[in-house]
Amino acid sequence: MIAHIFPDRCTGCDACVAACPTHVIDASTIGPPVIARIDQCQTCYMCELYCDADAIYVATDQHSAEVISPDAVLASGHVGRLRHDYGWDHPASAGEGHLQDFWRLGPLLREGAEIATKRYAARHADRSAD
């Protein structure tokens, strides 16, 4: 799940807001975007991939939000690693690069949406039982 937005790195471009398929992140007029609906996060990493400033960290736990130390995450070298490893930190040549293969994310996003839907339903069922 999305774990942190680093305000000192964020440029306010809102690319993460636009990229999130389940509308987890809201734009803000007074600072970086806000993680508004974490229970809808499908851990698809799209926000992290689209953040050119490497200001977003998505933790690997798909089922619950992790409490992290932002300083420790920065020191680990994981921030921006996904974009780098997949080549999204390099401008694509005409007709080449990550956008050419974007269609391959379809099954991943569909599976993530199913996970998020089940998790959301389970959490709300637990709350209504209380």
Protein backbone atom coordinates (compact mmCIF):
# COMPACT_ATOMS: atom_id res chain seq x y z
CA MET A 1 0.00 0.00 0.00
CA ILE A 2 1.05 3.58 -0.44
CA ALA A 3 2.97 4.40 2.71
CA HIS A 4 4.33 7.92 2.40
CA ILE A 5 4.55 11.05 0.27
CA PHE A 6 7.77 12.97 0.94
CA PRO A 7 6.73 16.64 1.05
CA ASP A 8 10.28 17.95 0.59
CA ARG A 9 10.59 16.03 -2.70
CA CYS A 10 7.07 16.58 -4.05
CA THR A 11 6.77 19.14 -6.85
CA GLY A 12 2.97 19.31 -6.72
CA CYS A 13 2.56 18.05 -10.28
CA ASP A 14 -0.32 15.72 -9.23
CA ALA A 15 0.81 12.98 -11.63
CA CYS A 16 0.20 10.50 -8.81
CA VAL A 17 -3.37 11.73 -8.42
CA ALA A 18 -4.03 11.22 -12.12
CA ALA A 19 -2.29 7.82 -12.26
CA CYS A 20 -4.07 6.19 -9.31
CA PRO A 21 -6.74 3.88 -10.73
CA THR A 22 -8.70 3.69 -7.47
CA HIS A 23 -8.57 7.39 -6.50
CA VAL A 24 -6.60 6.90 -3.29
CA ILE A 25 -4.78 10.25 -3.54
CA ASP A 26 -6.36 13.71 -3.53
CA ALA A 27 -4.73 16.87 -4.86
CA SER A 28 -4.08 19.63 -2.34
CA THR A 29 -3.76 23.36 -2.77
CA ILE A 30 -1.61 23.79 0.36
CA GLY A 31 1.06 21.13 -0.03
CA PRO A 32 1.72 17.71 -1.48
CA PRO A 33 -1.17 15.44 -2.46
CA VAL A 34 -2.97 13.67 0.38
CA ILE A 35 -3.41 9.93 0.90
CA ALA A 36 -7.19 10.16 1.33
CA ARG A 37 -8.56 6.63 0.90
CA ILE A 38 -5.80 4.18 1.84
CA ASP A 39 -8.27 1.31 2.16
CA GLN A 40 -8.82 1.53 -1.61
CA CYS A 41 -5.11 1.20 -2.46
CA GLN A 42 -4.45 -1.85 -4.61
CA THR A 43 -0.65 -1.67 -4.33
CA CYS A 44 -0.29 -1.26 -8.10
CA TYR A 45 2.67 1.15 -7.75
CA MET A 46 1.30 3.47 -10.45
CA CYS A 47 1.62 6.54 -8.19
CA GLU A 48 5.25 5.66 -7.50
CA LEU A 49 6.01 4.98 -11.16
CA TYR A 50 4.53 8.28 -12.34
CA CYS A 51 6.27 10.40 -9.68
CA ASP A 52 9.22 11.94 -11.50
CA ALA A 53 10.41 13.50 -8.23
CA ASP A 54 10.65 10.14 -6.43
CA ALA A 55 8.48 11.55 -3.66
CA ILE A 56 6.28 8.47 -3.11
CA TYR A 57 6.99 5.21 -1.35
CA VAL A 58 4.65 2.24 -1.76
CA ALA A 59 5.20 -0.52 0.78
CA THR A 60 4.88 -4.11 -0.34
CA ASP A 61 2.12 -5.19 2.07
CA GLN A 62 -1.06 -5.47 0.00
CA HIS A 63 -3.37 -6.10 2.94
CA SER A 64 -2.66 -3.41 5.50
CA ALA A 65 -0.96 -0.07 5.86
CA GLU A 66 2.58 -0.27 7.19
CA VAL A 67 4.00 2.14 9.73
CA ILE A 68 7.32 3.22 8.29
CA SER A 69 10.13 5.54 9.21
CA PRO A 70 10.48 7.99 6.29
CA ASP A 71 14.15 8.52 7.15
CA ALA A 72 14.82 4.78 7.15
CA VAL A 73 13.03 4.35 3.82
CA LEU A 74 15.12 7.13 2.26
CA ALA A 75 18.31 5.62 3.67
CA SER A 76 17.37 2.18 2.28
CA GLY A 77 17.54 3.41 -1.31
CA HIS A 78 14.09 2.02 -2.12
CA VAL A 79 12.54 5.40 -2.97
CA GLY A 80 12.57 5.68 -6.75
CA ARG A 81 14.06 2.20 -7.17
CA LEU A 82 10.97 0.83 -8.94
CA ARG A 83 10.98 3.64 -11.52
CA HIS A 84 14.70 3.14 -12.06
CA ASP A 85 14.52 -0.65 -12.31
CA TYR A 86 11.74 -0.49 -14.90
CA GLY A 87 13.40 2.29 -16.89
CA TRP A 88 10.70 4.87 -16.19
CA ASP A 89 13.33 7.39 -15.08
CA HIS A 90 14.72 7.66 -18.62
CA PRO A 91 12.90 9.59 -21.35
CA ALA A 92 11.54 7.19 -23.94
CA SER A 93 12.61 7.51 -27.54
CA ALA A 94 9.89 7.88 -30.15
CA GLY A 95 7.84 4.69 -30.04
CA GLU A 96 10.10 3.01 -27.47
CA GLY A 97 10.09 2.67 -23.73
CA HIS A 98 7.57 2.02 -21.00
CA LEU A 99 4.54 3.62 -22.63
CA GLN A 100 4.78 1.20 -25.53
CA ASP A 101 4.32 -1.68 -23.08
CA PHE A 102 1.74 0.03 -20.87
CA TRP A 103 -0.99 -2.37 -22.01
CA ARG A 104 0.76 -5.16 -20.12
CA LEU A 105 -0.31 -3.58 -16.83
CA GLY A 106 -3.97 -4.47 -17.48
CA PRO A 107 -3.98 -7.88 -15.75
CA LEU A 108 -1.95 -6.51 -12.84
CA LEU A 109 -4.35 -3.60 -12.34
CA ARG A 110 -7.38 -5.89 -12.61
CA GLU A 111 -5.95 -8.24 -9.96
CA GLY A 112 -5.09 -5.28 -7.75
CA ALA A 113 -8.61 -3.89 -8.07
CA GLU A 114 -10.02 -7.27 -7.04
CA ILE A 115 -7.71 -7.39 -4.00
CA ALA A 116 -8.67 -3.85 -3.01
CA THR A 117 -12.38 -4.58 -3.42
CA LYS A 118 -12.21 -7.69 -1.23
CA ARG A 119 -10.13 -5.91 1.41
CA TYR A 120 -12.51 -2.91 1.42
CA ALA A 121 -15.59 -5.16 1.75
CA ALA A 122 -14.00 -7.19 4.56
CA ARG A 123 -13.05 -4.07 6.53
CA HIS A 124 -16.49 -2.56 6.20
CA ALA A 125 -18.15 -5.86 7.15
CA ASP A 126 -16.00 -5.95 10.30
CA ARG A 127 -17.00 -2.38 11.18
CA SER A 128 -20.72 -3.02 10.72
CA ALA A 129 -20.49 -6.12 12.95
CA ASP A 130 -19.21 -3.99 15.86
